[in-house]
Amino acid sequence: MNIRYLSLMFLFVLAIGACKKEENKERFATVRVVNAWTGQDAVKLNVPLNFASSVLIYPKAESPAMVTVSSKDGKNVLLSGTYTLKPMNYSMYLFGTALKPDTILRAEMDIPYIQTDRTPVAADSVSHIRFVNLSSESTVLKVILKDALNVPDSPIRTNVPSVTAPVALAYREISPWSKYPTKAATRTVYNFEVRNAATGELLMANFSLTLTPNSGYFKNISLVVKGVPGGTGRNAFGIFQSNYF
């Protein structure tokens, strides 16, 4: 048996061993859990999750995984479910009310890719934004871009419909991602208002989304509508921000 044959056999054995190790390696899903639960305070998964905020969890993929949401002190189970997830990105939205809790588990198949391994310039700095209507059993809402500060000439100032058109959202609806241009050297501010789509009633006079090179540029951002129109405290109607990758 010559040396070349032995070398090939050795490499073959190493390759088989590597494949077996890869097959046995545990794989995990990435789930961003968003808490828009009307009337609830902070809840607890494996980590605390405040109201109007989000957190990442990493359940085991490709086998049944129990996801349990409990009260802040961990004594009372509020929601629980068993999911078989793939090793990919998901969103889990917690919303509704204490008497009628609801969830959406969404496989994120269309998160925009943004190249970040280069120095941004004013012509191509960008953020991607989508809207999520989790206002408890609300009517169809219309989110309208009122104005913007420090935006490049295109596309806002040229009225590109994918950005400037009002976004209509039924309860539990998630809009597509839209590209919002930003200026690399400074902050960019977008101001939105929310109205009842059927009547035109103003429900929220202004929500300002401030994007900077250190916070928001080259990010994918969900703007989540929470609460109840006219509500107060944890029931207050409003928008909060949840950043993705």
C-alpha atoms as a PDB file:
ATOM      1  CA  MET A   1       0.000   0.000   0.000  1.00  0.00           C
ATOM      2  CA  ASN A   2       1.685   3.226  -1.139  1.00  0.00           C
ATOM      3  CA  ILE A   3       1.927   6.474   0.792  1.00  0.00           C
ATOM      4  CA  ARG A   4      -0.395   8.349  -1.595  1.00  0.00           C
ATOM      5  CA  TYR A   5      -3.190   5.797  -1.032  1.00  0.00           C
ATOM      6  CA  LEU A   6      -2.765   5.976   2.742  1.00  0.00           C
ATOM      7  CA  SER A   7      -2.944   9.770   2.606  1.00  0.00           C
ATOM      8  CA  LEU A   8      -6.185   9.670   0.605  1.00  0.00           C
ATOM      9  CA  MET A   9      -7.705   7.159   3.037  1.00  0.00           C
ATOM     10  CA  PHE A  10      -6.726   9.361   5.992  1.00  0.00           C
ATOM     11  CA  LEU A  11      -8.367  12.425   4.401  1.00  0.00           C
ATOM     12  CA  PHE A  12     -11.513  10.405   3.637  1.00  0.00           C
ATOM     13  CA  VAL A  13     -11.795   9.283   7.281  1.00  0.00           C
ATOM     14  CA  LEU A  14     -11.356  12.882   8.480  1.00  0.00           C
ATOM     15  CA  ALA A  15     -14.096  14.071   6.113  1.00  0.00           C
ATOM     16  CA  ILE A  16     -16.538  11.378   7.326  1.00  0.00           C
ATOM     17  CA  GLY A  17     -15.805  12.308  10.957  1.00  0.00           C
ATOM     18  CA  ALA A  18     -16.395  15.995  10.233  1.00  0.00           C
ATOM     19  CA  CYS A  19     -19.750  15.209   8.582  1.00  0.00           C
ATOM     20  CA  LYS A  20     -20.884  13.158  11.587  1.00  0.00           C
ATOM     21  CA  LYS A  21     -19.912  15.964  13.975  1.00  0.00           C
ATOM     22  CA  GLU A  22     -21.892  18.423  11.846  1.00  0.00           C
ATOM     23  CA  GLU A  23     -24.925  16.107  11.874  1.00  0.00           C
ATOM     24  CA  ASN A  24     -24.806  15.848  15.671  1.00  0.00           C
ATOM     25  CA  LYS A  25     -24.345  19.573  16.234  1.00  0.00           C
ATOM     26  CA  GLU A  26     -27.319  21.271  17.906  1.00  0.00           C
ATOM     27  CA  ARG A  27     -28.940  24.029  15.893  1.00  0.00           C
ATOM     28  CA  PHE A  28     -30.960  26.958  17.207  1.00  0.00           C
ATOM     29  CA  ALA A  29     -33.554  29.392  15.934  1.00  0.00           C
ATOM     30  CA  THR A  30     -33.333  33.138  16.494  1.00  0.00           C
ATOM     31  CA  VAL A  31     -36.639  34.582  17.736  1.00  0.00           C
ATOM     32  CA  ARG A  32     -37.257  38.258  18.400  1.00  0.00           C
ATOM     33  CA  VAL A  33     -40.095  38.419  20.943  1.00  0.00           C
ATOM     34  CA  VAL A  34     -42.012  41.716  20.934  1.00  0.00           C
ATOM     35  CA  ASN A  35     -44.225  42.654  23.899  1.00  0.00           C
ATOM     36  CA  ALA A  36     -47.232  44.765  22.879  1.00  0.00           C
ATOM     37  CA  TRP A  37     -49.618  43.162  25.368  1.00  0.00           C
ATOM     38  CA  THR A  38     -52.219  45.807  26.222  1.00  0.00           C
ATOM     39  CA  GLY A  39     -52.601  46.342  29.971  1.00  0.00           C
ATOM     40  CA  GLN A  40     -49.711  44.059  30.926  1.00  0.00           C
ATOM     41  CA  ASP A  41     -46.508  45.096  32.627  1.00  0.00           C
ATOM     42  CA  ALA A  42     -43.229  43.309  32.049  1.00  0.00           C
ATOM     43  CA  VAL A  43     -43.380  39.583  31.356  1.00  0.00           C
ATOM     44  CA  LYS A  44     -40.763  36.865  31.614  1.00  0.00           C
ATOM     45  CA  LEU A  45     -39.502  34.285  29.141  1.00  0.00           C
ATOM     46  CA  ASN A  46     -36.059  32.997  29.995  1.00  0.00           C
ATOM     47  CA  VAL A  47     -35.269  36.707  30.452  1.00  0.00           C
ATOM     48  CA  PRO A  48     -37.467  39.651  31.539  1.00  0.00           C
ATOM     49  CA  LEU A  49     -39.250  41.541  28.758  1.00  0.00           C
ATOM     50  CA  ASN A  50     -40.656  45.001  29.443  1.00  0.00           C
ATOM     51  CA  PHE A  51     -43.826  46.289  27.838  1.00  0.00           C
ATOM     52  CA  ALA A  52     -43.270  48.006  24.455  1.00  0.00           C
ATOM     53  CA  SER A  53     -39.879  46.389  23.962  1.00  0.00           C
ATOM     54  CA  SER A  54     -38.335  43.275  22.450  1.00  0.00           C
ATOM     55  CA  VAL A  55     -35.713  40.649  23.225  1.00  0.00           C
ATOM     56  CA  LEU A  56     -33.938  37.837  21.372  1.00  0.00           C
ATOM     57  CA  ILE A  57     -34.267  34.201  22.466  1.00  0.00           C
ATOM     58  CA  TYR A  58     -32.611  31.133  20.954  1.00  0.00           C
ATOM     59  CA  PRO A  59     -34.767  27.977  21.265  1.00  0.00           C
ATOM     60  CA  LYS A  60     -33.458  24.669  19.938  1.00  0.00           C
ATOM     61  CA  ALA A  61     -34.382  24.120  16.295  1.00  0.00           C
ATOM     62  CA  GLU A  62     -35.707  21.049  14.476  1.00  0.00           C
ATOM     63  CA  SER A  63     -37.255  19.544  17.610  1.00  0.00           C
ATOM     64  CA  PRO A  64     -40.258  20.589  19.729  1.00  0.00           C
ATOM     65  CA  ALA A  65     -39.336  23.590  21.907  1.00  0.00           C
ATOM     66  CA  MET A  66     -41.559  24.928  24.690  1.00  0.00           C
ATOM     67  CA  VAL A  67     -41.908  28.719  24.810  1.00  0.00           C
ATOM     68  CA  THR A  68     -43.504  29.946  28.048  1.00  0.00           C
ATOM     69  CA  VAL A  69     -44.471  33.517  28.906  1.00  0.00           C
ATOM     70  CA  SER A  70     -45.062  34.125  32.596  1.00  0.00           C
ATOM     71  CA  SER A  71     -45.730  37.077  34.853  1.00  0.00           C
ATOM     72  CA  LYS A  72     -42.827  39.298  35.829  1.00  0.00           C
ATOM     73  CA  ASP A  73     -42.250  37.376  39.071  1.00  0.00           C
ATOM     74  CA  GLY A  74     -42.415  34.040  37.213  1.00  0.00           C
ATOM     75  CA  LYS A  75     -45.282  32.702  39.358  1.00  0.00           C
ATOM     76  CA  ASN A  76     -48.134  32.738  36.815  1.00  0.00           C
ATOM     77  CA  VAL A  77     -48.004  31.286  33.286  1.00  0.00           C
ATOM     78  CA  LEU A  78     -49.717  33.685  30.900  1.00  0.00           C
ATOM     79  CA  LEU A  79     -49.057  31.927  27.602  1.00  0.00           C
ATOM     80  CA  SER A  80     -47.281  28.763  26.541  1.00  0.00           C
ATOM     81  CA  GLY A  81     -46.836  26.825  23.342  1.00  0.00           C
ATOM     82  CA  THR A  82     -44.687  24.169  21.726  1.00  0.00           C
ATOM     83  CA  TYR A  83     -43.050  25.026  18.426  1.00  0.00           C
ATOM     84  CA  THR A  84     -40.838  23.132  16.021  1.00  0.00           C
ATOM     85  CA  LEU A  85     -38.654  25.817  14.497  1.00  0.00           C
ATOM     86  CA  LYS A  86     -36.085  25.852  11.737  1.00  0.00           C
ATOM     87  CA  PRO A  87     -32.599  27.329  12.270  1.00  0.00           C
ATOM     88  CA  MET A  88     -33.628  30.740  10.940  1.00  0.00           C
ATOM     89  CA  ASN A  89     -34.993  34.114  12.057  1.00  0.00           C
ATOM     90  CA  TYR A  90     -38.490  34.501  13.522  1.00  0.00           C
ATOM     91  CA  SER A  91     -40.609  37.186  15.153  1.00  0.00           C
ATOM     92  CA  MET A  92     -43.053  36.401  17.952  1.00  0.00           C
ATOM     93  CA  TYR A  93     -45.504  39.176  18.776  1.00  0.00           C
ATOM     94  CA  LEU A  94     -47.314  39.139  22.143  1.00  0.00           C
ATOM     95  CA  PHE A  95     -50.428  41.324  22.122  1.00  0.00           C
ATOM     96  CA  GLY A  96     -54.158  41.414  22.824  1.00  0.00           C
ATOM     97  CA  THR A  97     -55.404  41.800  26.400  1.00  0.00           C
ATOM     98  CA  ALA A  98     -55.149  39.824  29.644  1.00  0.00           C
ATOM     99  CA  LEU A  99     -58.601  38.342  28.982  1.00  0.00           C
ATOM    100  CA  LYS A 100     -57.939  37.740  25.294  1.00  0.00           C
ATOM    101  CA  PRO A 101     -54.195  37.251  24.699  1.00  0.00           C
ATOM    102  CA  ASP A 102     -52.960  36.750  21.154  1.00  0.00           C
ATOM    103  CA  THR A 103     -49.694  35.896  19.407  1.00  0.00           C
ATOM    104  CA  ILE A 104     -48.200  35.918  15.938  1.00  0.00           C
ATOM    105  CA  LEU A 105     -45.226  33.694  15.133  1.00  0.00           C
ATOM    106  CA  ARG A 106     -43.719  34.845  11.860  1.00  0.00           C
ATOM    107  CA  ALA A 107     -40.893  33.218   9.921  1.00  0.00           C
ATOM    108  CA  GLU A 108     -38.857  36.161   8.640  1.00  0.00           C
ATOM    109  CA  MET A 109     -38.267  35.242   5.015  1.00  0.00           C
ATOM    110  CA  ASP A 110     -37.820  38.758   3.636  1.00  0.00           C
ATOM    111  CA  ILE A 111     -35.594  40.740   6.020  1.00  0.00           C
ATOM    112  CA  PRO A 112     -33.682  43.043   3.655  1.00  0.00           C
ATOM    113  CA  TYR A 113     -29.958  42.534   3.327  1.00  0.00           C
ATOM    114  CA  ILE A 114     -27.948  45.682   3.941  1.00  0.00           C
ATOM    115  CA  GLN A 115     -24.262  45.726   3.144  1.00  0.00           C
ATOM    116  CA  THR A 116     -22.359  47.135   6.121  1.00  0.00           C
ATOM    117  CA  ASP A 117     -18.756  46.235   5.332  1.00  0.00           C
ATOM    118  CA  ARG A 118     -18.023  49.579   3.718  1.00  0.00           C
ATOM    119  CA  THR A 119     -18.039  53.254   4.644  1.00  0.00           C
ATOM    120  CA  PRO A 120     -21.528  54.692   4.072  1.00  0.00           C
ATOM    121  CA  VAL A 121     -21.984  57.794   1.926  1.00  0.00           C
ATOM    122  CA  ALA A 122     -24.920  60.164   1.643  1.00  0.00           C
ATOM    123  CA  ALA A 123     -26.090  58.638  -1.627  1.00  0.00           C
ATOM    124  CA  ASP A 124     -26.627  55.149  -0.293  1.00  0.00           C
ATOM    125  CA  SER A 125     -27.242  55.336   3.465  1.00  0.00           C
ATOM    126  CA  VAL A 126     -30.533  53.637   4.179  1.00  0.00           C
ATOM    127  CA  SER A 127     -32.860  52.109   6.762  1.00  0.00           C
ATOM    128  CA  HIS A 128     -35.703  49.683   6.078  1.00  0.00           C
ATOM    129  CA  ILE A 129     -38.968  50.242   7.962  1.00  0.00           C
ATOM    130  CA  ARG A 130     -42.210  48.309   8.300  1.00  0.00           C
ATOM    131  CA  PHE A 131     -45.347  48.845  10.407  1.00  0.00           C
ATOM    132  CA  VAL A 132     -47.206  46.348  12.613  1.00  0.00           C
ATOM    133  CA  ASN A 133     -50.742  46.997  13.890  1.00  0.00           C
ATOM    134  CA  LEU A 134     -51.130  45.407  17.331  1.00  0.00           C
ATOM    135  CA  SER A 135     -53.551  47.997  18.710  1.00  0.00           C
ATOM    136  CA  SER A 136     -56.050  45.747  20.449  1.00  0.00           C
ATOM    137  CA  GLU A 137     -58.910  44.927  18.087  1.00  0.00           C
ATOM    138  CA  SER A 138     -58.527  48.244  16.315  1.00  0.00           C
ATOM    139  CA  THR A 139     -60.154  49.309  13.073  1.00  0.00           C
ATOM    140  CA  VAL A 140     -58.013  49.719   9.971  1.00  0.00           C
ATOM    141  CA  LEU A 141     -55.340  52.325  10.670  1.00  0.00           C
ATOM    142  CA  LYS A 142     -53.603  54.653   8.264  1.00  0.00           C
ATOM    143  CA  VAL A 143     -49.992  55.647   9.007  1.00  0.00           C
ATOM    144  CA  ILE A 144     -49.049  58.827   7.167  1.00  0.00           C
ATOM    145  CA  LEU A 145     -45.584  60.312   6.668  1.00  0.00           C
ATOM    146  CA  LYS A 146     -46.009  63.999   7.573  1.00  0.00           C
ATOM    147  CA  ASP A 147     -42.525  65.337   6.932  1.00  0.00           C
ATOM    148  CA  ALA A 148     -38.843  64.564   7.281  1.00  0.00           C
ATOM    149  CA  LEU A 149     -35.625  66.305   8.328  1.00  0.00           C
ATOM    150  CA  ASN A 150     -32.197  65.871   6.693  1.00  0.00           C
ATOM    151  CA  VAL A 151     -33.331  63.490   3.986  1.00  0.00           C
ATOM    152  CA  PRO A 152     -31.419  63.105   0.700  1.00  0.00           C
ATOM    153  CA  ASP A 153     -33.145  64.544  -2.370  1.00  0.00           C
ATOM    154  CA  SER A 154     -34.347  61.100  -3.435  1.00  0.00           C
ATOM    155  CA  PRO A 155     -36.834  59.512  -2.958  1.00  0.00           C
ATOM    156  CA  ILE A 156     -38.745  61.564  -0.336  1.00  0.00           C
ATOM    157  CA  ARG A 157     -38.494  64.858  -2.149  1.00  0.00           C
ATOM    158  CA  THR A 158     -39.402  63.213  -5.456  1.00  0.00           C
ATOM    159  CA  ASN A 159     -42.505  61.579  -3.934  1.00  0.00           C
ATOM    160  CA  VAL A 160     -41.704  57.903  -4.463  1.00  0.00           C
ATOM    161  CA  PRO A 161     -44.974  56.058  -3.585  1.00  0.00           C
ATOM    162  CA  SER A 162     -43.317  53.121  -1.773  1.00  0.00           C
ATOM    163  CA  VAL A 163     -42.153  55.554   0.921  1.00  0.00           C
ATOM    164  CA  THR A 164     -44.514  58.529   0.842  1.00  0.00           C
ATOM    165  CA  ALA A 165     -47.876  56.784   0.356  1.00  0.00           C
ATOM    166  CA  PRO A 166     -49.984  56.214   3.514  1.00  0.00           C
ATOM    167  CA  VAL A 167     -49.721  52.715   4.965  1.00  0.00           C
ATOM    168  CA  ALA A 168     -53.109  51.092   5.684  1.00  0.00           C
ATOM    169  CA  LEU A 169     -53.042  48.364   8.337  1.00  0.00           C
ATOM    170  CA  ALA A 170     -55.791  46.104   9.624  1.00  0.00           C
ATOM    171  CA  TYR A 171     -55.488  44.634  13.119  1.00  0.00           C
ATOM    172  CA  ARG A 172     -52.703  41.983  13.208  1.00  0.00           C
ATOM    173  CA  GLU A 173     -51.382  43.138   9.832  1.00  0.00           C
ATOM    174  CA  ILE A 174     -47.675  43.631   9.058  1.00  0.00           C
ATOM    175  CA  SER A 175     -46.662  45.879   6.176  1.00  0.00           C
ATOM    176  CA  PRO A 176     -43.885  45.077   3.677  1.00  0.00           C
ATOM    177  CA  TRP A 177     -40.451  46.580   4.250  1.00  0.00           C
ATOM    178  CA  SER A 178     -39.875  49.997   2.661  1.00  0.00           C
ATOM    179  CA  LYS A 179     -36.532  51.686   2.075  1.00  0.00           C
ATOM    180  CA  TYR A 180     -36.037  55.045   3.805  1.00  0.00           C
ATOM    181  CA  PRO A 181     -32.990  57.083   2.729  1.00  0.00           C
ATOM    182  CA  THR A 182     -30.748  58.695   5.347  1.00  0.00           C
ATOM    183  CA  LYS A 183     -27.776  61.061   5.376  1.00  0.00           C
ATOM    184  CA  ALA A 184     -24.543  59.431   6.478  1.00  0.00           C
ATOM    185  CA  ALA A 185     -23.013  62.465   8.187  1.00  0.00           C
ATOM    186  CA  THR A 186     -25.950  63.485  10.362  1.00  0.00           C
ATOM    187  CA  ARG A 187     -29.266  62.374  11.848  1.00  0.00           C
ATOM    188  CA  THR A 188     -32.408  61.903   9.781  1.00  0.00           C
ATOM    189  CA  VAL A 189     -35.873  62.329  11.306  1.00  0.00           C
ATOM    190  CA  TYR A 190     -39.154  60.992   9.934  1.00  0.00           C
ATOM    191  CA  ASN A 191     -42.435  62.229  11.437  1.00  0.00           C
ATOM    192  CA  PHE A 192     -45.602  60.120  11.188  1.00  0.00           C
ATOM    193  CA  GLU A 193     -49.227  60.492  12.207  1.00  0.00           C
ATOM    194  CA  VAL A 194     -51.874  57.772  12.631  1.00  0.00           C
ATOM    195  CA  ARG A 195     -55.524  58.094  11.607  1.00  0.00           C
ATOM    196  CA  ASN A 196     -58.626  55.940  11.474  1.00  0.00           C
ATOM    197  CA  ALA A 197     -58.573  54.829   7.814  1.00  0.00           C
ATOM    198  CA  ALA A 198     -62.380  54.887   7.479  1.00  0.00           C
ATOM    199  CA  THR A 199     -63.218  58.188   9.188  1.00  0.00           C
ATOM    200  CA  GLY A 200     -59.948  60.125   8.997  1.00  0.00           C
ATOM    201  CA  GLU A 201     -60.033  60.710  12.774  1.00  0.00           C
ATOM    202  CA  LEU A 202     -56.604  61.667  14.100  1.00  0.00           C
ATOM    203  CA  LEU A 203     -55.505  59.026  16.619  1.00  0.00           C
ATOM    204  CA  MET A 204     -51.859  60.034  17.058  1.00  0.00           C
ATOM    205  CA  ALA A 205     -50.617  63.492  16.101  1.00  0.00           C
ATOM    206  CA  ASN A 206     -46.932  62.677  15.816  1.00  0.00           C
ATOM    207  CA  PHE A 207     -44.376  59.921  16.172  1.00  0.00           C
ATOM    208  CA  SER A 208     -40.778  60.902  15.417  1.00  0.00           C
ATOM    209  CA  LEU A 209     -38.334  58.260  14.258  1.00  0.00           C
ATOM    210  CA  THR A 210     -34.771  59.536  14.642  1.00  0.00           C
ATOM    211  CA  LEU A 211     -32.080  57.666  12.698  1.00  0.00           C
ATOM    212  CA  THR A 212     -28.359  58.274  13.233  1.00  0.00           C
ATOM    213  CA  PRO A 213     -25.141  56.623  12.055  1.00  0.00           C
ATOM    214  CA  ASN A 214     -24.917  54.891  15.466  1.00  0.00           C
ATOM    215  CA  SER A 215     -28.602  54.030  15.817  1.00  0.00           C
ATOM    216  CA  GLY A 216     -30.815  53.090  12.912  1.00  0.00           C
ATOM    217  CA  TYR A 217     -28.672  53.523   9.822  1.00  0.00           C
ATOM    218  CA  PHE A 218     -28.312  50.248   7.912  1.00  0.00           C
ATOM    219  CA  LYS A 219     -30.912  48.620  10.185  1.00  0.00           C
ATOM    220  CA  ASN A 220     -34.275  46.962   9.624  1.00  0.00           C
ATOM    221  CA  ILE A 221     -36.841  48.518  11.986  1.00  0.00           C
ATOM    222  CA  SER A 222     -40.396  47.506  12.871  1.00  0.00           C
ATOM    223  CA  LEU A 223     -42.644  50.308  14.134  1.00  0.00           C
ATOM    224  CA  VAL A 224     -45.286  48.620  16.285  1.00  0.00           C
ATOM    225  CA  VAL A 225     -48.667  50.252  16.973  1.00  0.00           C
ATOM    226  CA  LYS A 226     -49.803  49.423  20.520  1.00  0.00           C
ATOM    227  CA  GLY A 227     -52.545  50.181  23.022  1.00  0.00           C
ATOM    228  CA  VAL A 228     -56.085  51.418  22.508  1.00  0.00           C
ATOM    229  CA  PRO A 229     -57.111  54.762  20.924  1.00  0.00           C
ATOM    230  CA  GLY A 230     -57.871  57.126  23.791  1.00  0.00           C
ATOM    231  CA  GLY A 231     -56.284  54.783  26.354  1.00  0.00           C
ATOM    232  CA  THR A 232     -53.975  55.840  29.174  1.00  0.00           C
ATOM    233  CA  GLY A 233     -51.037  54.268  31.015  1.00  0.00           C
ATOM    234  CA  ARG A 234     -50.160  50.829  29.639  1.00  0.00           C
ATOM    235  CA  ASN A 235     -53.322  51.071  27.505  1.00  0.00           C
ATOM    236  CA  ALA A 236     -52.129  54.269  25.836  1.00  0.00           C
ATOM    237  CA  PHE A 237     -52.206  54.336  22.054  1.00  0.00           C
ATOM    238  CA  GLY A 238     -48.787  54.803  20.485  1.00  0.00           C
ATOM    239  CA  ILE A 239     -45.863  53.433  18.497  1.00  0.00           C
ATOM    240  CA  PHE A 240     -42.650  51.793  19.667  1.00  0.00           C
ATOM    241  CA  GLN A 241     -39.562  50.746  17.772  1.00  0.00           C
ATOM    242  CA  SER A 242     -38.127  47.230  17.438  1.00  0.00           C
ATOM    243  CA  ASN A 243     -34.776  46.910  15.660  1.00  0.00           C
ATOM    244  CA  TYR A 244     -33.850  43.912  13.567  1.00  0.00           C
ATOM    245  CA  PHE A 245     -30.589  43.054  11.860  1.00  0.00           C
END
